[in-house]
């Protein structure tokens, strides 16, 4: 199976925050943001795998900045690493100032998707070939996150988590 680059899965969704999507402080509901991120990540995973994809986990979400009503919100998603049947998707959320047009990073998240066939069984995905320094950094970190998750779930012994050990042990 031929590898793909993160740019092949890049997905950008831009929308305005409407009053019906906000809390009593007139900021975007966290759940609404999660849904937007899930949709963008799903499209990115499908672009990479060319298969049906299902959300396996939301590994990390950082609500760093509230997003007020009327803001233009852009969710950018791309596959950061592909494993046998799963893909990690990294998301950056940008908020555009209504008056100046300046973009600031408001939030970020990491989702995991699994590619499935028509019967719902996991199916293999192409490998990911990172190109830029940021893509390589996210690619390397994805393996550490996966190993940590497997260790915490009891599916991997800590001494088998080579990438995690490398963080703490120096030659």
N, C-alpha and C. Protein backbone atom coordinates (compact mmCIF):
# COMPACT_ATOMS: atom_id res chain seq x y z
N UNK A 1 0.85 -1.18 0.00
CA UNK A 1 0.00 0.00 0.00
C UNK A 1 0.89 1.24 0.00
N UNK A 2 0.66 2.14 -0.92
CA UNK A 2 1.46 3.34 -1.04
C UNK A 2 1.13 4.35 0.05
N UNK A 3 2.18 4.96 0.61
CA UNK A 3 1.99 5.95 1.66
C UNK A 3 1.39 7.25 1.14
N UNK A 4 0.80 7.99 2.05
CA UNK A 4 0.21 9.29 1.74
C UNK A 4 0.80 10.33 2.67
N UNK A 5 0.73 11.58 2.25
CA UNK A 5 1.21 12.70 3.06
C UNK A 5 0.05 13.31 3.84
N UNK A 6 0.35 13.98 4.95
CA UNK A 6 -0.72 14.65 5.71
C UNK A 6 -1.54 15.62 4.86
N UNK A 7 -0.90 16.27 3.89
CA UNK A 7 -1.64 17.23 3.06
C UNK A 7 -2.74 16.56 2.26
N UNK A 8 -2.61 15.25 2.01
CA UNK A 8 -3.64 14.52 1.27
C UNK A 8 -4.94 14.40 2.07
N UNK A 9 -4.84 14.51 3.38
CA UNK A 9 -6.03 14.39 4.23
C UNK A 9 -6.50 15.73 4.78
N UNK A 10 -5.74 16.78 4.52
CA UNK A 10 -6.04 18.09 5.13
C UNK A 10 -7.49 18.49 4.86
N UNK A 11 -8.16 18.88 5.92
CA UNK A 11 -9.56 19.30 5.85
C UNK A 11 -9.70 20.61 6.60
N UNK A 12 -10.35 21.57 5.97
CA UNK A 12 -10.58 22.87 6.60
C UNK A 12 -12.07 23.17 6.54
N UNK A 13 -12.65 23.41 7.72
CA UNK A 13 -14.07 23.76 7.81
C UNK A 13 -14.18 25.12 8.50
N UNK A 14 -14.85 26.05 7.84
CA UNK A 14 -15.02 27.39 8.39
C UNK A 14 -16.51 27.69 8.51
N UNK A 15 -16.88 28.24 9.66
CA UNK A 15 -18.28 28.54 9.92
C UNK A 15 -18.36 29.67 10.95
N UNK A 16 -19.53 30.27 11.05
CA UNK A 16 -19.76 31.34 12.02
C UNK A 16 -20.46 30.76 13.25
N UNK A 17 -20.13 31.27 14.41
CA UNK A 17 -20.78 30.86 15.65
C UNK A 17 -22.09 31.63 15.78
N UNK A 18 -23.20 30.89 15.82
CA UNK A 18 -24.53 31.49 15.88
C UNK A 18 -25.06 31.51 17.31
N UNK A 19 -26.01 32.38 17.62
CA UNK A 19 -26.55 32.48 18.99
C UNK A 19 -27.11 31.16 19.52
N UNK A 20 -27.70 30.34 18.68
CA UNK A 20 -28.28 29.07 19.15
C UNK A 20 -27.22 28.05 19.55
N UNK A 21 -25.95 28.33 19.26
CA UNK A 21 -24.85 27.41 19.58
C UNK A 21 -24.03 27.87 20.78
N UNK A 22 -24.57 28.86 21.51
CA UNK A 22 -23.79 29.43 22.61
C UNK A 22 -24.45 29.22 23.97
N UNK A 23 -23.62 29.34 24.99
CA UNK A 23 -24.07 29.21 26.38
C UNK A 23 -24.57 30.56 26.89
N UNK A 24 -24.97 30.65 28.16
CA UNK A 24 -25.48 31.92 28.69
C UNK A 24 -24.45 33.07 28.69
N UNK A 25 -23.17 32.75 28.51
CA UNK A 25 -22.14 33.80 28.41
C UNK A 25 -21.89 34.20 26.96
N UNK A 26 -22.72 33.67 26.05
CA UNK A 26 -22.60 33.94 24.62
C UNK A 26 -21.30 33.43 24.00
N UNK A 27 -20.81 32.31 24.55
CA UNK A 27 -19.65 31.62 23.99
C UNK A 27 -20.08 30.26 23.46
N UNK A 28 -19.38 29.79 22.45
CA UNK A 28 -19.70 28.51 21.82
C UNK A 28 -19.71 27.38 22.85
N UNK A 29 -20.76 26.56 22.83
CA UNK A 29 -20.81 25.37 23.68
C UNK A 29 -19.63 24.46 23.34
N UNK A 30 -19.02 23.87 24.37
CA UNK A 30 -17.93 22.93 24.16
C UNK A 30 -18.36 21.74 23.32
N UNK A 31 -19.57 21.25 23.56
CA UNK A 31 -20.07 20.11 22.80
C UNK A 31 -20.26 20.43 21.32
N UNK A 32 -20.63 21.64 21.04
CA UNK A 32 -20.76 22.07 19.63
C UNK A 32 -19.39 22.08 18.96
N UNK A 33 -18.38 22.56 19.69
CA UNK A 33 -17.03 22.55 19.13
C UNK A 33 -16.55 21.11 18.92
N UNK A 34 -16.83 20.22 19.88
CA UNK A 34 -16.45 18.81 19.73
C UNK A 34 -17.09 18.20 18.49
N UNK A 35 -18.34 18.51 18.23
CA UNK A 35 -19.03 17.97 17.05
C UNK A 35 -18.39 18.49 15.77
N UNK A 36 -18.05 19.76 15.75
CA UNK A 36 -17.40 20.32 14.56
C UNK A 36 -16.04 19.66 14.32
N UNK A 37 -15.29 19.46 15.41
CA UNK A 37 -13.99 18.82 15.28
C UNK A 37 -14.15 17.37 14.82
N UNK A 38 -15.15 16.67 15.34
CA UNK A 38 -15.38 15.28 14.97
C UNK A 38 -15.68 15.17 13.47
N UNK A 39 -16.48 16.07 12.96
CA UNK A 39 -16.81 16.04 11.52
C UNK A 39 -15.56 16.29 10.68
N UNK A 40 -14.77 17.30 11.04
CA UNK A 40 -13.56 17.60 10.27
C UNK A 40 -12.57 16.44 10.34
N UNK A 41 -12.40 15.87 11.53
CA UNK A 41 -11.47 14.76 11.69
C UNK A 41 -11.94 13.54 10.91
N UNK A 42 -13.24 13.31 10.89
CA UNK A 42 -13.79 12.18 10.14
C UNK A 42 -13.51 12.31 8.65
N UNK A 43 -13.66 13.51 8.13
CA UNK A 43 -13.37 13.74 6.71
C UNK A 43 -11.88 13.51 6.43
N UNK A 44 -11.01 14.02 7.31
CA UNK A 44 -9.57 13.83 7.13
C UNK A 44 -9.21 12.34 7.14
N UNK A 45 -9.78 11.59 8.08
CA UNK A 45 -9.49 10.15 8.17
C UNK A 45 -10.00 9.42 6.92
N UNK A 46 -11.15 9.81 6.46
CA UNK A 46 -11.70 9.17 5.25
C UNK A 46 -10.87 9.52 4.03
N UNK A 47 -10.39 10.74 3.94
CA UNK A 47 -9.53 11.12 2.81
C UNK A 47 -8.24 10.30 2.81
N UNK A 48 -7.71 10.03 3.99
CA UNK A 48 -6.48 9.24 4.07
C UNK A 48 -6.73 7.78 3.71
N UNK A 49 -7.76 7.21 4.28
CA UNK A 49 -8.00 5.77 4.14
C UNK A 49 -8.85 5.39 2.94
N UNK A 50 -9.68 6.35 2.47
CA UNK A 50 -10.67 6.07 1.42
C UNK A 50 -11.60 4.94 1.83
N UNK A 51 -11.91 4.92 3.12
CA UNK A 51 -12.81 3.94 3.73
C UNK A 51 -13.79 4.66 4.63
N UNK A 52 -14.81 3.93 5.06
CA UNK A 52 -15.68 4.42 6.12
C UNK A 52 -14.82 4.50 7.37
N UNK A 53 -14.98 5.57 8.14
CA UNK A 53 -14.20 5.69 9.37
C UNK A 53 -15.14 5.95 10.55
N UNK A 54 -14.73 5.45 11.70
CA UNK A 54 -15.51 5.64 12.92
C UNK A 54 -14.60 6.22 13.99
N UNK A 55 -15.16 7.08 14.82
CA UNK A 55 -14.39 7.68 15.92
C UNK A 55 -14.11 6.60 16.95
N UNK A 56 -12.83 6.38 17.24
CA UNK A 56 -12.45 5.41 18.26
C UNK A 56 -12.23 6.08 19.61
N UNK A 57 -11.66 7.28 19.58
CA UNK A 57 -11.44 7.99 20.84
C UNK A 57 -11.16 9.46 20.58
N UNK A 58 -11.44 10.24 21.59
CA UNK A 58 -11.01 11.63 21.63
C UNK A 58 -9.88 11.63 22.65
N UNK A 59 -8.66 11.71 22.16
CA UNK A 59 -7.49 11.53 23.01
C UNK A 59 -7.14 12.77 23.81
N UNK A 60 -7.40 13.92 23.23
CA UNK A 60 -7.01 15.17 23.88
C UNK A 60 -7.86 16.29 23.33
N UNK A 61 -8.32 17.15 24.21
CA UNK A 61 -9.01 18.37 23.80
C UNK A 61 -8.54 19.48 24.74
N UNK A 62 -8.16 20.60 24.17
CA UNK A 62 -7.79 21.75 24.98
C UNK A 62 -8.69 22.91 24.60
N UNK A 63 -9.53 23.31 25.55
CA UNK A 63 -10.38 24.49 25.36
C UNK A 63 -9.59 25.68 25.91
N UNK A 64 -8.69 26.20 25.11
CA UNK A 64 -7.79 27.24 25.58
C UNK A 64 -8.41 28.64 25.60
N UNK A 65 -9.37 28.86 24.72
CA UNK A 65 -9.94 30.20 24.62
C UNK A 65 -11.42 30.06 24.29
N UNK A 66 -12.24 30.85 24.95
CA UNK A 66 -13.67 30.83 24.63
C UNK A 66 -13.88 31.49 23.26
N UNK A 67 -14.94 31.04 22.60
CA UNK A 67 -15.23 31.52 21.24
C UNK A 67 -16.58 32.23 21.28
N UNK A 68 -16.58 33.58 21.19
CA UNK A 68 -17.82 34.33 21.31
C UNK A 68 -18.73 34.23 20.08
N UNK A 69 -20.01 34.45 20.33
CA UNK A 69 -21.00 34.47 19.26
C UNK A 69 -20.55 35.44 18.17
N UNK A 70 -20.79 35.06 16.92
CA UNK A 70 -20.41 35.91 15.80
C UNK A 70 -19.01 35.66 15.28
N UNK A 71 -18.21 34.91 16.03
CA UNK A 71 -16.84 34.63 15.58
C UNK A 71 -16.86 33.73 14.36
N UNK A 72 -15.86 33.92 13.52
CA UNK A 72 -15.63 32.99 12.42
C UNK A 72 -14.63 31.96 12.95
N UNK A 73 -15.02 30.70 12.91
CA UNK A 73 -14.23 29.61 13.48
C UNK A 73 -13.77 28.69 12.36
N UNK A 74 -12.49 28.37 12.34
CA UNK A 74 -11.93 27.47 11.33
C UNK A 74 -11.32 26.27 12.04
N UNK A 75 -11.76 25.09 11.64
CA UNK A 75 -11.21 23.83 12.17
C UNK A 75 -10.36 23.22 11.07
N UNK A 76 -9.08 23.01 11.38
CA UNK A 76 -8.16 22.38 10.43
C UNK A 76 -7.77 21.01 10.97
N UNK A 77 -7.93 19.97 10.14
CA UNK A 77 -7.65 18.61 10.56
C UNK A 77 -6.76 17.94 9.53
N UNK A 78 -5.86 17.07 10.00
CA UNK A 78 -5.03 16.26 9.10
C UNK A 78 -4.59 15.02 9.87
N UNK A 79 -4.44 13.92 9.16
CA UNK A 79 -3.94 12.70 9.79
C UNK A 79 -2.49 12.96 10.20
N UNK A 80 -2.17 12.65 11.46
CA UNK A 80 -0.82 12.86 11.97
C UNK A 80 -0.02 11.56 12.03
N UNK A 81 -0.74 10.42 12.05
CA UNK A 81 -0.05 9.12 11.99
C UNK A 81 -1.07 8.05 11.64
N UNK A 82 -0.64 7.09 10.85
CA UNK A 82 -1.48 5.95 10.52
C UNK A 82 -0.84 4.70 11.11
N UNK A 83 -1.65 3.88 11.73
CA UNK A 83 -1.19 2.60 12.26
C UNK A 83 -1.78 1.52 11.35
N UNK A 84 -2.01 0.33 11.84
CA UNK A 84 -2.50 -0.73 10.96
C UNK A 84 -3.91 -0.42 10.42
N UNK A 85 -4.85 -0.17 11.32
CA UNK A 85 -6.23 0.13 10.90
C UNK A 85 -6.71 1.45 11.46
N UNK A 86 -5.91 2.08 12.31
CA UNK A 86 -6.33 3.33 12.94
C UNK A 86 -5.48 4.50 12.47
N UNK A 87 -6.03 5.69 12.66
CA UNK A 87 -5.35 6.92 12.29
C UNK A 87 -5.53 7.94 13.40
N UNK A 88 -4.45 8.62 13.75
CA UNK A 88 -4.56 9.73 14.66
C UNK A 88 -4.75 10.99 13.81
N UNK A 89 -5.71 11.82 14.19
CA UNK A 89 -5.99 13.06 13.48
C UNK A 89 -5.76 14.22 14.45
N UNK A 90 -4.93 15.14 14.05
CA UNK A 90 -4.62 16.32 14.86
C UNK A 90 -5.43 17.49 14.34
N UNK A 91 -6.05 18.22 15.26
CA UNK A 91 -6.90 19.35 14.87
C UNK A 91 -6.42 20.64 15.52
N UNK A 92 -6.41 21.69 14.73
CA UNK A 92 -6.16 23.04 15.21
C UNK A 92 -7.41 23.86 14.96
N UNK A 93 -7.83 24.63 15.96
CA UNK A 93 -9.04 25.45 15.83
C UNK A 93 -8.62 26.91 15.92
N UNK A 94 -9.00 27.67 14.90
CA UNK A 94 -8.63 29.07 14.80
C UNK A 94 -9.86 29.95 14.88
N UNK A 95 -9.73 31.07 15.57
CA UNK A 95 -10.80 32.03 15.70
C UNK A 95 -10.35 33.32 15.00
N UNK A 96 -11.24 33.85 14.20
CA UNK A 96 -10.93 35.08 13.47
C UNK A 96 -11.62 36.25 14.16
N UNK A 97 -10.85 37.26 14.49
CA UNK A 97 -11.41 38.46 15.11
C UNK A 97 -12.36 39.13 14.12
N UNK A 98 -13.54 39.45 14.60
CA UNK A 98 -14.58 40.01 13.72
C UNK A 98 -14.20 41.37 13.14
N UNK A 99 -13.36 42.10 13.81
CA UNK A 99 -13.05 43.46 13.39
C UNK A 99 -11.72 43.56 12.64
N UNK A 100 -10.67 42.92 13.17
CA UNK A 100 -9.35 43.04 12.55
C UNK A 100 -9.07 41.93 11.53
N UNK A 101 -9.78 40.81 11.65
CA UNK A 101 -9.50 39.68 10.77
C UNK A 101 -8.33 38.83 11.23
N UNK A 102 -7.70 39.22 12.34
CA UNK A 102 -6.55 38.47 12.87
C UNK A 102 -7.01 37.10 13.36
N UNK A 103 -6.23 36.07 13.01
CA UNK A 103 -6.53 34.71 13.45
C UNK A 103 -5.69 34.35 14.66
N UNK A 104 -6.34 33.74 15.67
CA UNK A 104 -5.62 33.24 16.83
C UNK A 104 -6.04 31.79 17.06
N UNK A 105 -5.10 31.00 17.55
CA UNK A 105 -5.41 29.61 17.84
C UNK A 105 -6.23 29.56 19.12
N UNK A 106 -7.43 29.02 19.02
CA UNK A 106 -8.34 28.98 20.16
C UNK A 106 -8.30 27.65 20.87
N UNK A 107 -8.19 26.56 20.11
CA UNK A 107 -8.27 25.22 20.69
C UNK A 107 -7.51 24.23 19.82
N UNK A 108 -7.30 23.04 20.36
CA UNK A 108 -6.71 21.95 19.60
C UNK A 108 -7.22 20.63 20.16
N UNK A 109 -7.10 19.59 19.35
CA UNK A 109 -7.57 18.28 19.78
C UNK A 109 -6.86 17.19 18.99
N UNK A 110 -6.93 15.98 19.54
CA UNK A 110 -6.40 14.80 18.87
C UNK A 110 -7.47 13.72 18.95
N UNK A 111 -7.89 13.23 17.81
CA UNK A 111 -8.90 12.17 17.71
C UNK A 111 -8.24 10.93 17.10
N UNK A 112 -8.81 9.77 17.38
CA UNK A 112 -8.39 8.53 16.73
C UNK A 112 -9.58 7.94 16.00
N UNK A 113 -9.35 7.57 14.75
CA UNK A 113 -10.37 6.94 13.92
C UNK A 113 -9.90 5.57 13.46
N UNK A 114 -10.85 4.69 13.23
CA UNK A 114 -10.56 3.37 12.69
C UNK A 114 -11.28 3.26 11.35
N UNK A 115 -10.57 2.75 10.36
CA UNK A 115 -11.18 2.50 9.06
C UNK A 115 -11.86 1.14 9.10
N UNK A 116 -13.06 1.07 8.55
CA UNK A 116 -13.81 -0.19 8.55
C UNK A 116 -14.31 -0.50 7.14
N UNK A 117 -14.57 -1.80 6.90
CA UNK A 117 -15.14 -2.19 5.62
C UNK A 117 -16.66 -2.08 5.68
N UNK A 118 -17.33 -2.56 4.66
CA UNK A 118 -18.79 -2.42 4.60
C UNK A 118 -19.52 -3.21 5.67
N UNK A 119 -18.83 -4.16 6.31
CA UNK A 119 -19.47 -4.93 7.38
C UNK A 119 -19.10 -4.41 8.76
N UNK A 120 -18.30 -3.34 8.80
CA UNK A 120 -17.90 -2.76 10.08
C UNK A 120 -16.64 -3.34 10.68
N UNK A 121 -15.95 -4.19 9.94
CA UNK A 121 -14.69 -4.78 10.44
C UNK A 121 -13.52 -3.86 10.11
N UNK A 122 -12.59 -3.70 11.06
CA UNK A 122 -11.42 -2.86 10.80
C UNK A 122 -10.66 -3.33 9.56
N UNK A 123 -10.17 -2.37 8.80
CA UNK A 123 -9.43 -2.67 7.58
C UNK A 123 -8.17 -1.81 7.52
N UNK A 124 -7.15 -2.32 6.86
CA UNK A 124 -5.86 -1.63 6.83
C UNK A 124 -5.94 -0.29 6.13
N UNK A 125 -5.07 0.61 6.57
CA UNK A 125 -4.98 1.95 5.99
C UNK A 125 -3.56 2.17 5.46
N UNK A 126 -3.41 3.11 4.51
CA UNK A 126 -2.07 3.40 4.00
C UNK A 126 -1.19 4.01 5.08
N UNK A 127 0.12 3.81 4.98
CA UNK A 127 1.03 4.47 5.93
C UNK A 127 1.05 5.98 5.66
N UNK A 128 1.49 6.73 6.65
CA UNK A 128 1.59 8.18 6.52
C UNK A 128 3.06 8.56 6.38
N UNK A 129 3.35 9.45 5.46
CA UNK A 129 4.71 9.93 5.23
C UNK A 129 4.74 11.44 5.51
N UNK A 130 5.18 11.83 6.71
CA UNK A 130 5.21 13.26 7.04
C UNK A 130 6.29 13.97 6.23
N UNK A 131 6.05 15.27 5.95
CA UNK A 131 7.01 16.04 5.15
C UNK A 131 7.62 17.20 5.93
N UNK A 132 6.78 18.02 6.57
CA UNK A 132 7.29 19.21 7.25
C UNK A 132 7.79 18.86 8.65
N UNK A 133 8.51 19.79 9.26
CA UNK A 133 9.00 19.56 10.62
C UNK A 133 7.85 19.34 11.59
N UNK A 134 6.79 20.15 11.48
CA UNK A 134 5.63 19.98 12.37
C UNK A 134 4.97 18.62 12.15
N UNK A 135 4.82 18.21 10.91
CA UNK A 135 4.23 16.89 10.62
C UNK A 135 5.08 15.77 11.20
N UNK A 136 6.39 15.89 11.11
CA UNK A 136 7.30 14.87 11.67
C UNK A 136 7.21 14.85 13.19
N UNK A 137 7.11 16.03 13.80
CA UNK A 137 6.98 16.12 15.25
C UNK A 137 5.68 15.45 15.72
N UNK A 138 4.58 15.74 15.06
CA UNK A 138 3.29 15.15 15.41
C UNK A 138 3.29 13.65 15.13
N UNK A 139 3.93 13.22 14.06
CA UNK A 139 4.05 11.80 13.72
C UNK A 139 4.77 11.03 14.83
N UNK A 140 5.91 11.54 15.27
CA UNK A 140 6.68 10.89 16.34
C UNK A 140 5.90 10.87 17.65
N UNK A 141 5.26 11.96 18.00
CA UNK A 141 4.51 12.06 19.26
C UNK A 141 3.32 11.11 19.26
N UNK A 142 2.75 10.83 18.09
CA UNK A 142 1.58 9.95 18.00
C UNK A 142 1.91 8.54 18.49
N UNK A 143 3.11 8.07 18.18
CA UNK A 143 3.49 6.73 18.64
C UNK A 143 3.64 6.70 20.16
N UNK A 144 4.18 7.75 20.73
CA UNK A 144 4.29 7.82 22.20
C UNK A 144 2.90 7.84 22.84
N UNK A 145 1.99 8.61 22.26
CA UNK A 145 0.63 8.65 22.80
C UNK A 145 -0.04 7.29 22.70
N UNK A 146 0.17 6.60 21.59
CA UNK A 146 -0.45 5.28 21.43
C UNK A 146 0.12 4.30 22.45
N UNK A 147 1.43 4.32 22.62
CA UNK A 147 2.04 3.41 23.59
C UNK A 147 1.56 3.72 25.00
N UNK A 148 1.46 4.97 25.35
CA UNK A 148 0.96 5.34 26.68
C UNK A 148 -0.46 4.83 26.87
N UNK A 149 -1.30 5.01 25.88
CA UNK A 149 -2.67 4.54 25.95
C UNK A 149 -2.74 3.02 26.13
N UNK A 150 -1.89 2.30 25.39
CA UNK A 150 -1.88 0.84 25.50
C UNK A 150 -1.38 0.38 26.87
N UNK A 151 -0.38 1.06 27.41
CA UNK A 151 0.13 0.72 28.74
C UNK A 151 -0.95 0.96 29.79
N UNK A 152 -1.60 2.12 29.72
CA UNK A 152 -2.65 2.44 30.70
C UNK A 152 -3.84 1.49 30.61
N UNK A 153 -4.10 0.97 29.40
CA UNK A 153 -5.22 0.04 29.22
C UNK A 153 -4.82 -1.40 29.55
N UNK A 154 -3.55 -1.61 29.90
CA UNK A 154 -3.08 -2.96 30.22
C UNK A 154 -2.87 -3.83 29.00
N UNK A 155 -2.79 -3.23 27.82
CA UNK A 155 -2.61 -4.00 26.58
C UNK A 155 -1.15 -4.04 26.13
N UNK A 156 -0.29 -3.34 26.86
CA UNK A 156 1.15 -3.34 26.58
C UNK A 156 1.89 -3.25 27.90
N UNK A 157 2.93 -4.00 28.03
CA UNK A 157 3.76 -3.92 29.23
C UNK A 157 4.62 -2.66 29.16
N UNK A 158 4.82 -1.97 30.27
CA UNK A 158 5.62 -0.74 30.25
C UNK A 158 7.01 -0.93 29.64
N UNK A 159 7.63 -2.08 29.88
CA UNK A 159 8.97 -2.30 29.33
C UNK A 159 8.97 -2.49 27.81
N UNK A 160 7.80 -2.69 27.22
CA UNK A 160 7.69 -2.82 25.76
C UNK A 160 7.47 -1.46 25.08
N UNK A 161 7.18 -0.44 25.86
CA UNK A 161 6.88 0.89 25.32
C UNK A 161 8.20 1.62 25.03
N UNK A 162 8.86 1.24 23.97
CA UNK A 162 10.20 1.74 23.65
C UNK A 162 10.24 3.25 23.47
N UNK A 163 9.23 3.82 22.83
CA UNK A 163 9.22 5.26 22.59
C UNK A 163 9.05 6.04 23.89
N UNK A 164 8.26 5.50 24.81
CA UNK A 164 8.09 6.16 26.10
C UNK A 164 9.36 6.07 26.93
N UNK A 165 9.99 4.90 26.92
CA UNK A 165 11.23 4.73 27.67
C UNK A 165 12.30 5.69 27.18
N UNK A 166 12.33 5.92 25.87
CA UNK A 166 13.34 6.81 25.29
C UNK A 166 13.21 8.23 25.81
N UNK A 167 12.02 8.63 26.23
CA UNK A 167 11.84 9.96 26.80
C UNK A 167 12.55 10.13 28.14
N UNK A 168 12.65 9.02 28.88
CA UNK A 168 13.16 9.10 30.24
C UNK A 168 14.58 8.56 30.40
N UNK A 169 15.02 7.75 29.47
CA UNK A 169 16.34 7.15 29.56
C UNK A 169 17.28 7.79 28.56
N UNK A 170 18.43 8.18 29.03
CA UNK A 170 19.44 8.79 28.15
C UNK A 170 20.58 7.80 27.98
N UNK A 171 21.17 7.83 26.81
CA UNK A 171 22.33 6.93 26.55
C UNK A 171 23.55 7.36 27.32
